[in-house]
């Protein structure tokens, strides 16, 4: 299925550190087979996971120098897709023959992730200024495999009303379920990030983060900048000076299957990485059964398709954005 909006956007496909020089990684993106690989020069590439000769997956081949080599007949391809050598015809001038090229996609690295765009990029990778703040520590969590549509995952990330029911004893409890009034407005950070922002989101939590041992009220701010990305910031009242930003990025594998990457940017320099990841793993594992049991599996965008309350104004704003952006993947359009 073609989705011009998502085809022209950047999507995470791997943590950069998991793709060292000489490595190759088979993945899926928007229903397409993609092999992500890194040459000896350190550049990362994304190529259709199919040799144009006889259709063998390039991911079962190998990376040699700055080329990827097909396992079946040894055809060699540069990062830009040009075929450089056909062993069965070593004297053949192949580099200029476009019919022999492997199809490639745009690839880049930002925020410690490898990003791929299967169409022509409409914008750069979204801005996440907290990542570049020298006063904040960065930890990558996941990726998490989810049998759910990407927009359902983003909407759950924006939802506070489930805290007491799904994250009891950590992000909420059943004695504090009320969602107070908050504001939603258009957002433009001037650096390529446009969408909506929710401010004044306050919620009482028993354990606001891995360092907290007592409950307190937390102020959340949510930013939705792209169809499959959302960023929240947290300021617990009981921990003066503590600051945390969490960015969620969805890799749309199939219409109803996704992979989720989470980046933490925080002032917590005390806990080891494993503890911070373990805390986030626990939270995500609690969300997983709900995400995989919503029906319909794709997010319905028609007004009135699902019953909403005042606490859902951010998710309603997100659905309006998806309609305005013309998103088709992972949704049921009006």
Protein backbone atom coordinates (compact mmCIF):
# COMPACT_ATOMS: atom_id res chain seq x y z
CA UNK A 1 0.00 0.00 0.00
CA UNK A 2 1.37 3.41 -0.95
CA UNK A 3 1.26 6.15 1.67
CA UNK A 4 2.81 9.36 0.28
CA UNK A 5 3.02 10.90 3.75
CA UNK A 6 4.87 8.02 5.40
CA UNK A 7 6.86 7.13 2.27
CA UNK A 8 8.36 10.63 2.41
CA UNK A 9 9.11 10.49 6.15
CA UNK A 10 12.11 9.09 8.01
CA UNK A 11 11.63 5.94 10.10
CA UNK A 12 14.00 4.28 12.58
CA UNK A 13 15.13 0.78 11.63
CA UNK A 14 18.01 0.06 14.02
CA UNK A 15 20.11 1.35 16.88
CA UNK A 16 23.31 2.57 15.24
CA UNK A 17 25.55 0.58 17.57
CA UNK A 18 23.87 -2.65 16.42
CA UNK A 19 25.13 -2.11 12.86
CA UNK A 20 28.94 -1.99 13.05
CA UNK A 21 31.15 -1.83 9.95
CA UNK A 22 30.70 -4.96 7.87
CA UNK A 23 27.31 -5.79 9.38
CA UNK A 24 24.02 -6.27 7.57
CA UNK A 25 20.53 -6.31 9.06
CA UNK A 26 17.37 -7.62 7.40
CA UNK A 27 14.25 -5.66 8.30
CA UNK A 28 10.85 -4.56 7.05
CA UNK A 29 9.58 -1.04 6.48
CA UNK A 30 6.10 -0.15 5.26
CA UNK A 31 5.68 -3.66 3.89
CA UNK A 32 9.02 -3.64 2.07
CA UNK A 33 12.02 -5.92 2.62
CA UNK A 34 15.09 -3.81 3.36
CA UNK A 35 18.67 -4.71 4.21
CA UNK A 36 20.55 -2.12 6.25
CA UNK A 37 24.33 -2.41 6.09
CA UNK A 38 27.48 -0.49 6.91
CA UNK A 39 30.56 -0.40 4.73
CA UNK A 40 34.17 -0.23 5.82
CA UNK A 41 34.09 3.55 5.39
CA UNK A 42 31.48 3.77 8.16
CA UNK A 43 28.62 4.89 5.91
CA UNK A 44 25.26 3.25 6.48
CA UNK A 45 23.13 2.13 3.52
CA UNK A 46 19.61 0.81 2.94
CA UNK A 47 19.03 -1.46 -0.05
CA UNK A 48 16.02 -3.43 -1.21
CA UNK A 49 16.60 -6.91 0.20
CA UNK A 50 16.55 -8.50 -3.22
CA UNK A 51 19.24 -9.08 -5.81
CA UNK A 52 17.95 -7.97 -9.24
CA UNK A 53 19.49 -11.08 -10.83
CA UNK A 54 17.46 -13.96 -9.33
CA UNK A 55 15.75 -12.36 -6.36
CA UNK A 56 17.94 -13.72 -3.56
CA UNK A 57 17.87 -11.74 -0.34
CA UNK A 58 21.02 -9.65 -0.14
CA UNK A 59 20.86 -9.94 3.64
CA UNK A 60 22.06 -13.56 3.45
CA UNK A 61 25.15 -12.39 1.57
CA UNK A 62 28.04 -10.44 3.05
CA UNK A 63 29.55 -6.99 3.19
CA UNK A 64 33.04 -6.70 1.74
CA UNK A 65 34.70 -3.31 2.00
CA UNK A 66 32.14 -0.76 0.85
CA UNK A 67 30.04 -3.26 -1.13
CA UNK A 68 27.33 -5.79 -0.40
CA UNK A 69 27.72 -9.15 -2.13
CA UNK A 70 24.91 -11.49 -3.15
CA UNK A 71 25.30 -15.02 -1.73
CA UNK A 72 23.87 -16.73 -4.83
CA UNK A 73 26.08 -15.60 -7.72
CA UNK A 74 28.44 -13.10 -6.10
CA UNK A 75 27.09 -9.95 -7.73
CA UNK A 76 28.58 -6.94 -5.96
CA UNK A 77 26.70 -3.69 -5.28
CA UNK A 78 27.85 -0.26 -4.11
CA UNK A 79 25.96 1.76 -1.53
CA UNK A 80 24.20 3.68 -4.31
CA UNK A 81 22.94 0.41 -5.83
CA UNK A 82 25.30 0.24 -8.80
CA UNK A 83 26.34 -3.27 -9.76
CA UNK A 84 30.15 -3.29 -9.75
CA UNK A 85 30.97 -6.88 -10.66
CA UNK A 86 29.34 -10.01 -12.11
CA UNK A 87 31.70 -12.96 -11.52
CA UNK A 88 30.19 -15.04 -14.32
CA UNK A 89 31.17 -12.27 -16.77
CA UNK A 90 34.25 -10.63 -15.22
CA UNK A 91 35.09 -8.63 -18.34
CA UNK A 92 31.62 -7.10 -18.61
CA UNK A 93 31.40 -3.35 -17.96
CA UNK A 94 28.50 -3.38 -15.55
CA UNK A 95 28.75 -0.15 -13.53
CA UNK A 96 26.95 1.95 -16.16
CA UNK A 97 24.09 -0.50 -16.76
CA UNK A 98 21.13 0.73 -14.74
CA UNK A 99 19.13 -2.46 -15.37
CA UNK A 100 21.60 -4.30 -13.14
CA UNK A 101 21.29 -1.89 -10.21
CA UNK A 102 19.85 -2.85 -6.86
CA UNK A 103 17.12 -0.54 -5.61
CA UNK A 104 18.20 1.70 -2.75
CA UNK A 105 16.53 3.88 -0.13
CA UNK A 106 17.71 7.01 1.64
CA UNK A 107 19.52 6.28 4.90
CA UNK A 108 21.06 8.45 7.59
CA UNK A 109 21.94 8.42 11.29
CA UNK A 110 20.60 10.72 13.99
CA UNK A 111 20.03 10.40 17.73
CA UNK A 112 21.93 7.10 17.80
CA UNK A 113 19.47 5.47 15.38
CA UNK A 114 19.59 4.48 11.72
CA UNK A 115 16.75 6.11 9.78
CA UNK A 116 15.41 5.11 6.36
CA UNK A 117 13.08 6.91 3.95
CA UNK A 118 11.61 4.76 1.17
CA UNK A 119 10.46 7.74 -0.91
CA UNK A 120 11.83 11.23 -1.39
CA UNK A 121 12.34 12.88 2.02
CA UNK A 122 9.91 15.76 2.55
CA UNK A 123 11.75 16.95 5.68
CA UNK A 124 14.87 16.13 7.67
CA UNK A 125 14.70 13.71 10.59
CA UNK A 126 12.48 15.31 13.22
CA UNK A 127 14.02 17.68 15.78
CA UNK A 128 14.64 16.26 19.27
CA UNK A 129 16.65 19.05 20.97
CA UNK A 130 16.83 17.28 24.35
CA UNK A 131 19.13 14.70 22.76
CA UNK A 132 21.76 17.35 22.15
CA UNK A 133 21.50 18.89 25.62
CA UNK A 134 24.89 18.27 27.30
CA UNK A 135 23.22 18.25 30.72
CA UNK A 136 21.08 15.21 29.88
CA UNK A 137 22.09 11.57 29.75
CA UNK A 138 21.00 9.46 26.76
CA UNK A 139 19.82 5.86 26.96
CA UNK A 140 18.28 3.84 24.13
CA UNK A 141 15.53 1.34 25.00
CA UNK A 142 14.06 -1.45 22.95
CA UNK A 143 13.36 -2.06 20.19
CA UNK A 144 10.03 -3.61 21.14
CA UNK A 145 8.05 -5.84 18.80
CA UNK A 146 4.33 -5.08 18.80
CA UNK A 147 1.45 -6.74 16.98
CA UNK A 148 -0.34 -3.42 16.55
CA UNK A 149 -0.64 -0.55 14.10
CA UNK A 150 1.77 2.33 14.61
CA UNK A 151 -0.87 5.02 15.22
CA UNK A 152 -2.44 2.91 17.98
CA UNK A 153 0.97 2.80 19.69
CA UNK A 154 1.49 6.56 19.45
CA UNK A 155 -2.01 7.27 20.76
CA UNK A 156 -1.41 5.02 23.78
CA UNK A 157 1.80 6.97 24.51
CA UNK A 158 -0.29 10.17 24.59
CA UNK A 159 -2.90 8.75 26.97
CA UNK A 160 -2.85 9.47 30.73
CA UNK A 161 -6.20 7.92 31.65
CA UNK A 162 -4.80 4.37 31.53
CA UNK A 163 -1.98 4.95 34.04
CA UNK A 164 -3.81 3.68 37.11
CA UNK A 165 -5.27 0.64 35.32
CA UNK A 166 -2.25 -0.55 33.34
CA UNK A 167 0.71 0.87 35.29
CA UNK A 168 -0.59 0.50 38.86
CA UNK A 169 2.01 1.17 41.53
CA UNK A 170 4.32 2.93 39.09
CA UNK A 171 2.72 5.58 36.87
CA UNK A 172 -0.68 5.55 38.58
CA UNK A 173 -3.05 3.84 41.00
CA UNK A 174 -6.78 3.36 41.29
CA UNK A 175 -7.08 6.00 44.03
CA UNK A 176 -5.86 8.69 41.62
CA UNK A 177 -7.53 8.16 38.24
CA UNK A 178 -8.86 11.64 37.47
CA UNK A 179 -7.31 13.39 34.47
CA UNK A 180 -7.39 17.13 35.04
CA UNK A 181 -7.90 19.78 32.41
CA UNK A 182 -5.00 20.48 30.06
CA UNK A 183 -4.38 22.52 26.91
CA UNK A 184 -3.73 21.38 23.34
CA UNK A 185 -2.43 23.80 20.71
CA UNK A 186 -0.68 23.83 17.33
CA UNK A 187 3.08 23.54 17.60
CA UNK A 188 5.94 24.73 15.40
CA UNK A 189 9.46 24.74 16.81
CA UNK A 190 10.94 26.54 13.81
CA UNK A 191 13.30 23.65 13.11
CA UNK A 192 11.11 21.38 11.03
CA UNK A 193 8.90 20.17 13.84
CA UNK A 194 5.21 20.94 13.37
CA UNK A 195 2.18 19.30 14.91
CA UNK A 196 0.48 19.71 18.28
CA UNK A 197 1.60 20.26 21.86
CA UNK A 198 -0.25 19.43 25.08
CA UNK A 199 0.69 21.44 28.17
CA UNK A 200 -0.51 21.60 31.76
CA UNK A 201 -0.87 17.81 31.92
CA UNK A 202 -0.67 16.92 35.61
CA UNK A 203 -1.03 13.46 37.12
CA UNK A 204 -0.25 11.87 40.49
CA UNK A 205 2.14 8.92 40.26
CA UNK A 206 3.35 6.47 42.92
CA UNK A 207 6.77 6.12 41.26
CA UNK A 208 7.52 8.73 38.64
CA UNK A 209 10.85 7.25 37.52
CA UNK A 210 13.52 4.72 38.51
CA UNK A 211 15.02 7.11 41.11
CA UNK A 212 11.74 7.94 42.83
CA UNK A 213 10.62 6.09 45.95
CA UNK A 214 7.60 8.19 46.94
CA UNK A 215 4.60 9.37 45.01
CA UNK A 216 4.20 12.90 43.68
CA UNK A 217 2.36 14.92 41.08
CA UNK A 218 4.10 15.09 37.73
CA UNK A 219 3.78 17.71 35.01
CA UNK A 220 3.82 16.27 31.50
CA UNK A 221 4.23 18.05 28.18
CA UNK A 222 3.56 16.10 24.99
CA UNK A 223 4.76 17.00 21.48
CA UNK A 224 3.53 15.24 18.35
CA UNK A 225 5.76 16.18 15.42
CA UNK A 226 5.37 13.40 12.86
CA UNK A 227 2.75 10.71 12.27
CA UNK A 228 4.66 7.95 14.09
CA UNK A 229 6.65 9.93 16.66
CA UNK A 230 5.81 11.58 19.97
CA UNK A 231 7.95 13.17 22.69
CA UNK A 232 7.02 13.76 26.31
CA UNK A 233 8.81 15.63 29.07
CA UNK A 234 8.31 14.99 32.79
CA UNK A 235 8.90 17.28 35.76
CA UNK A 236 8.15 15.57 39.11
CA UNK A 237 7.29 18.06 41.85
CA UNK A 238 9.06 16.00 44.55
CA UNK A 239 12.41 15.86 42.69
CA UNK A 240 13.72 19.35 42.26
CA UNK A 241 16.13 19.57 39.35
CA UNK A 242 15.04 16.25 37.83
CA UNK A 243 14.17 16.47 34.16
CA UNK A 244 13.31 13.74 31.71
CA UNK A 245 12.37 13.59 28.04
CA UNK A 246 11.14 10.38 26.42
CA UNK A 247 10.85 10.10 22.66
CA UNK A 248 8.91 7.25 21.05
CA UNK A 249 9.58 6.32 17.43
CA UNK A 250 7.63 3.64 15.58
CA UNK A 251 9.03 1.59 12.71
CA UNK A 252 5.97 0.53 10.67
CA UNK A 253 6.74 -3.04 9.61
CA UNK A 254 3.28 -3.97 8.35
CA UNK A 255 -0.15 -2.39 8.63
CA UNK A 256 -0.70 -4.06 12.00
CA UNK A 257 2.83 -4.92 13.10
CA UNK A 258 5.39 -2.45 14.40
CA UNK A 259 8.74 -2.05 16.12
CA UNK A 260 9.21 0.67 18.74
CA UNK A 261 12.37 2.55 19.67
CA UNK A 262 12.48 4.72 22.80
CA UNK A 263 15.14 7.29 23.67
CA UNK A 264 15.54 8.60 27.21
CA UNK A 265 17.19 11.98 27.83
CA UNK A 266 17.38 12.69 31.57
CA UNK A 267 19.26 14.15 34.50
CA UNK A 268 19.47 10.71 36.14
CA UNK A 269 23.20 9.92 36.11
CA UNK A 270 23.00 7.54 39.08
CA UNK A 271 21.32 4.41 37.73
CA UNK A 272 23.17 2.09 35.33
CA UNK A 273 21.85 1.78 31.78
CA UNK A 274 20.50 -1.69 32.52
CA UNK A 275 18.31 -0.37 35.36
CA UNK A 276 16.89 2.42 33.22
CA UNK A 277 16.16 0.03 30.37
CA UNK A 278 14.63 -2.45 32.82
CA UNK A 279 12.27 0.23 34.14
CA UNK A 280 11.19 1.13 30.60
CA UNK A 281 10.90 -2.55 29.65
CA UNK A 282 8.47 -3.04 32.54
CA UNK A 283 6.30 -0.10 31.46
CA UNK A 284 6.20 -1.23 27.84
CA UNK A 285 5.43 -4.85 28.78
CA UNK A 286 2.38 -3.60 30.70
CA UNK A 287 1.14 -1.70 27.64
CA UNK A 288 1.71 -4.58 25.22
CA UNK A 289 -1.40 -6.75 25.94
CA UNK A 290 -3.69 -3.75 25.52
CA UNK A 291 -2.02 -2.59 22.31
CA UNK A 292 -2.33 -6.05 20.78
CA UNK A 293 -6.00 -6.42 21.77
CA UNK A 294 -7.58 -3.21 20.47
CA UNK A 295 -10.24 -3.63 17.82
CA UNK A 296 -10.17 -2.54 15.13
CA UNK A 297 -6.42 -3.04 15.08
CA UNK A 298 -5.96 0.06 12.93
CA UNK A 299 -6.76 3.49 14.33
CA UNK A 300 -10.19 4.69 13.13
CA UNK A 301 -10.12 8.34 12.04
CA UNK A 302 -13.82 8.91 11.39
CA UNK A 303 -15.45 11.26 13.87
CA UNK A 304 -17.52 9.24 16.34
CA UNK A 305 -15.97 5.90 15.37
CA UNK A 306 -14.97 5.50 19.03
CA UNK A 307 -16.47 7.29 22.02
CA UNK A 308 -14.24 10.03 23.45
CA UNK A 309 -14.21 12.10 26.61
CA UNK A 310 -12.58 15.40 27.65
CA UNK A 311 -9.45 13.55 28.76
CA UNK A 312 -9.01 12.36 25.14
CA UNK A 313 -8.57 15.80 23.59
CA UNK A 314 -4.89 15.11 22.80
CA UNK A 315 -5.66 11.82 21.05
CA UNK A 316 -8.43 13.57 19.12
CA UNK A 317 -5.95 16.25 18.04
CA UNK A 318 -3.57 13.47 16.95
CA UNK A 319 -6.30 11.86 14.86
CA UNK A 320 -7.04 15.22 13.22
CA UNK A 321 -3.35 15.58 12.38
CA UNK A 322 -3.33 12.16 10.74
CA UNK A 323 -6.31 13.17 8.62
CA UNK A 324 -4.68 16.48 7.66
CA UNK A 325 -1.41 14.75 6.79
CA UNK A 326 -3.28 12.20 4.67
CA UNK A 327 -1.92 9.15 6.49
CA UNK A 328 -3.26 5.84 5.16
CA UNK A 329 -0.99 3.27 6.81
CA UNK A 330 -2.24 1.73 10.04
CA UNK A 331 -5.49 3.71 10.06
CA UNK A 332 -9.08 3.38 8.92
CA UNK A 333 -9.69 6.59 7.02
CA UNK A 334 -12.96 8.46 7.07
